Amino acid sequence: MKFKIPFLLSIVAIIGGVFISILFGADESIFKNRIAQGLEKNIKIQSIVDADKKAEKIKSEQDKNWRYYQRYHFHANGIASLSLAMLILLAFIKASKKEILVASYMIAVGGFLYPFVWLFAALYGPEMGRDEAKEAFAIFGYMGGVYLLGIIYGLYLAAARDWRAPLIFSEN
């Protein structure tokens, strides 16, 4: 089971990225209305006295916060797909179970958690402020480092160790 969990995490991450895109297609206004409501509660924005500057700031923040939802979608799908490919690659490497397990978990856990920095920044950014939201959920951003180290370690194992022949390529 411990070798299946990284695969399952990658698949769940892909499902999350696809699910939010389905929601985008079904009713994008759900997200845009949430952003607008959050910006109405943003103390810094609401304290702007000049109506033109306030409207300009709200428009800018709406666009940037909407982009964060999209970044979650892009990162969840892209990173999880690469994670799945790396996990399949690791299955062909003749390395110890511990080495494969460490690389697999670094890739899967880091890849699964990293996109959430964008989702939580999108959810909480309008009201808190984008920078404040990213800081509040920075731990998810740091998971990108874990992911990157897992990819590097996996590539090291692929380069330094022998490979097993997949059944479809074996001569037996």
Protein backbone atom coordinates (compact mmCIF):
# COMPACT_ATOMS: atom_id res chain seq x y z
CA MET A 1 0.00 0.00 0.00
CA LYS A 2 2.83 2.42 0.82
CA PHE A 3 3.95 2.27 -2.83
CA LYS A 4 0.41 2.94 -4.09
CA ILE A 5 -0.13 6.15 -2.10
CA PRO A 6 2.13 8.32 -4.31
CA PHE A 7 0.23 7.16 -7.40
CA LEU A 8 -3.10 7.85 -5.71
CA LEU A 9 -1.97 11.34 -4.63
CA SER A 10 -0.98 12.15 -8.20
CA ILE A 11 -4.31 10.95 -9.56
CA VAL A 12 -6.26 12.89 -6.90
CA ALA A 13 -4.26 16.02 -7.80
CA ILE A 14 -5.17 15.60 -11.48
CA ILE A 15 -8.81 15.12 -10.51
CA GLY A 16 -8.66 18.35 -8.45
CA GLY A 17 -7.22 20.29 -11.37
CA VAL A 18 -9.79 18.88 -13.78
CA PHE A 19 -12.67 19.38 -11.33
CA ILE A 20 -11.97 23.08 -10.91
CA SER A 21 -11.81 23.48 -14.70
CA ILE A 22 -15.22 21.83 -14.94
CA LEU A 23 -16.48 24.37 -12.41
CA PHE A 24 -14.93 27.15 -14.52
CA GLY A 25 -16.82 25.89 -17.53
CA ALA A 26 -20.08 25.33 -15.66
CA ASP A 27 -20.22 28.75 -13.99
CA GLU A 28 -17.18 30.99 -13.91
CA SER A 29 -19.21 33.62 -12.10
CA ILE A 30 -19.06 31.55 -8.89
CA PHE A 31 -15.36 32.40 -8.63
CA LYS A 32 -15.63 35.96 -9.88
CA ASN A 33 -18.49 36.74 -7.48
CA ARG A 34 -16.49 35.30 -4.58
CA ILE A 35 -13.57 37.51 -5.55
CA ALA A 36 -15.81 40.60 -5.76
CA GLN A 37 -17.36 39.86 -2.35
CA GLY A 38 -13.93 39.41 -0.80
CA LEU A 39 -12.67 42.67 -2.27
CA GLU A 40 -15.66 44.46 -0.74
CA LYS A 41 -14.41 43.25 2.66
CA ASN A 42 -10.77 44.19 2.00
CA ILE A 43 -9.99 46.99 4.44
CA LYS A 44 -7.05 48.40 2.47
CA ILE A 45 -9.02 48.66 -0.76
CA GLN A 46 -12.14 50.01 0.90
CA SER A 47 -10.08 52.75 2.58
CA ILE A 48 -9.08 54.25 -0.79
CA VAL A 49 -10.90 57.58 -0.99
CA ASP A 50 -10.47 58.39 -4.69
CA ALA A 51 -13.25 56.52 -6.53
CA ASP A 52 -11.25 56.14 -9.75
CA LYS A 53 -8.20 54.75 -7.95
CA LYS A 54 -10.43 52.43 -5.95
CA ALA A 55 -12.18 51.14 -9.09
CA GLU A 56 -8.81 50.67 -10.82
CA LYS A 57 -7.43 48.77 -7.81
CA ILE A 58 -10.52 46.54 -7.61
CA LYS A 59 -10.29 45.71 -11.33
CA SER A 60 -6.60 44.92 -11.01
CA GLU A 61 -7.16 42.74 -7.93
CA GLN A 62 -10.09 40.92 -9.54
CA ASP A 63 -7.94 39.97 -12.53
CA LYS A 64 -4.99 38.88 -10.40
CA ASN A 65 -7.12 36.84 -7.99
CA TRP A 66 -8.92 35.17 -10.89
CA ARG A 67 -5.48 34.26 -12.25
CA TYR A 68 -4.69 32.49 -8.97
CA TYR A 69 -7.62 30.10 -9.50
CA GLN A 70 -6.26 29.42 -12.97
CA ARG A 71 -2.78 28.86 -11.57
CA TYR A 72 -4.16 26.21 -9.23
CA HIS A 73 -5.73 24.47 -12.23
CA PHE A 74 -2.55 24.68 -14.33
CA HIS A 75 -0.19 23.64 -11.55
CA ALA A 76 -2.40 20.83 -10.23
CA ASN A 77 -2.74 19.25 -13.67
CA GLY A 78 0.77 19.86 -14.94
CA ILE A 79 2.68 18.95 -11.81
CA ALA A 80 0.52 15.91 -11.08
CA SER A 81 0.95 14.65 -14.65
CA LEU A 82 4.72 15.00 -14.41
CA SER A 83 4.58 13.35 -10.98
CA LEU A 84 2.73 10.39 -12.42
CA ALA A 85 5.27 10.09 -15.24
CA MET A 86 8.15 10.24 -12.75
CA LEU A 87 6.52 7.59 -10.57
CA ILE A 88 6.19 5.31 -13.58
CA LEU A 89 9.84 5.97 -14.45
CA LEU A 90 10.89 5.08 -10.91
CA ALA A 91 9.14 1.71 -11.28
CA PHE A 92 11.75 0.75 -13.91
CA ILE A 93 14.81 1.69 -11.87
CA LYS A 94 16.82 -0.95 -10.04
CA ALA A 95 17.28 0.87 -6.75
CA SER A 96 16.49 -0.09 -3.19
CA LYS A 97 12.86 0.04 -2.12
CA LYS A 98 13.77 2.75 0.37
CA GLU A 99 15.34 4.95 -2.31
CA ILE A 100 12.34 4.54 -4.61
CA LEU A 101 9.93 5.16 -1.72
CA VAL A 102 11.71 8.36 -0.64
CA ALA A 103 11.79 9.75 -4.18
CA SER A 104 8.16 8.72 -4.78
CA TYR A 105 6.86 10.41 -1.65
CA MET A 106 8.87 13.58 -2.21
CA ILE A 107 7.50 13.85 -5.73
CA ALA A 108 3.91 12.91 -4.90
CA VAL A 109 3.46 14.84 -1.65
CA GLY A 110 5.30 17.93 -2.89
CA GLY A 111 3.46 17.85 -6.21
CA PHE A 112 0.09 17.32 -4.55
CA LEU A 113 0.44 20.09 -1.97
CA TYR A 114 2.21 22.83 -3.95
CA PRO A 115 -0.79 23.93 -6.09
CA PHE A 116 -2.79 24.63 -2.94
CA VAL A 117 -0.75 27.79 -2.34
CA TRP A 118 -2.52 29.20 -5.41
CA LEU A 119 -5.96 27.88 -4.48
CA PHE A 120 -5.80 29.27 -0.95
CA ALA A 121 -4.35 32.56 -2.20
CA ALA A 122 -7.32 32.75 -4.59
CA LEU A 123 -9.83 31.92 -1.87
CA TYR A 124 -8.48 34.23 0.81
CA GLY A 125 -6.54 36.80 -1.22
CA PRO A 126 -9.41 39.14 -2.06
CA GLU A 127 -10.23 39.81 1.58
CA MET A 128 -6.78 39.39 3.16
CA GLY A 129 -4.69 40.78 0.33
CA ARG A 130 -2.83 38.61 -2.16
CA ASP A 131 0.59 38.90 -0.55
CA GLU A 132 -0.79 38.24 2.92
CA ALA A 133 -2.68 35.17 1.68
CA LYS A 134 0.40 33.76 -0.04
CA GLU A 135 2.40 34.30 3.15
CA ALA A 136 -0.29 32.68 5.29
CA PHE A 137 -0.17 29.56 3.12
CA ALA A 138 3.54 29.62 2.30
CA ILE A 139 4.00 26.08 3.64
CA PHE A 140 2.25 24.85 0.50
CA GLY A 141 4.61 26.92 -1.62
CA TYR A 142 7.57 25.31 0.12
CA MET A 143 6.24 21.94 -0.97
CA GLY A 144 7.33 22.95 -4.46
CA GLY A 145 10.89 22.67 -3.15
CA VAL A 146 10.20 19.18 -1.83
CA TYR A 147 8.75 18.31 -5.23
CA LEU A 148 11.78 19.68 -7.07
CA LEU A 149 14.20 17.81 -4.80
CA GLY A 150 12.18 14.62 -5.38
CA ILE A 151 12.40 15.10 -9.15
CA ILE A 152 16.16 15.71 -8.93
CA TYR A 153 16.61 12.66 -6.70
CA GLY A 154 14.49 10.53 -9.04
CA LEU A 155 16.51 11.67 -12.04
CA TYR A 156 19.70 10.94 -10.14
CA LEU A 157 18.46 7.41 -9.44
CA ALA A 158 17.51 7.00 -13.11
CA ALA A 159 20.99 8.07 -14.21
CA ALA A 160 23.00 6.25 -11.55
CA ARG A 161 21.18 2.92 -11.37
CA ASP A 162 20.43 0.14 -13.82
CA TRP A 163 16.94 -0.20 -15.24
CA ARG A 164 14.55 -3.12 -15.33
CA ALA A 165 13.18 -4.03 -18.74
CA PRO A 166 9.41 -3.62 -18.91
CA LEU A 167 7.60 -6.85 -19.67
CA ILE A 168 6.58 -5.68 -23.12
CA PHE A 169 10.25 -5.19 -24.09
CA SER A 170 11.71 -8.31 -22.49
CA GLU A 171 12.95 -11.05 -24.76
CA ASN A 172 11.41 -13.90 -22.74
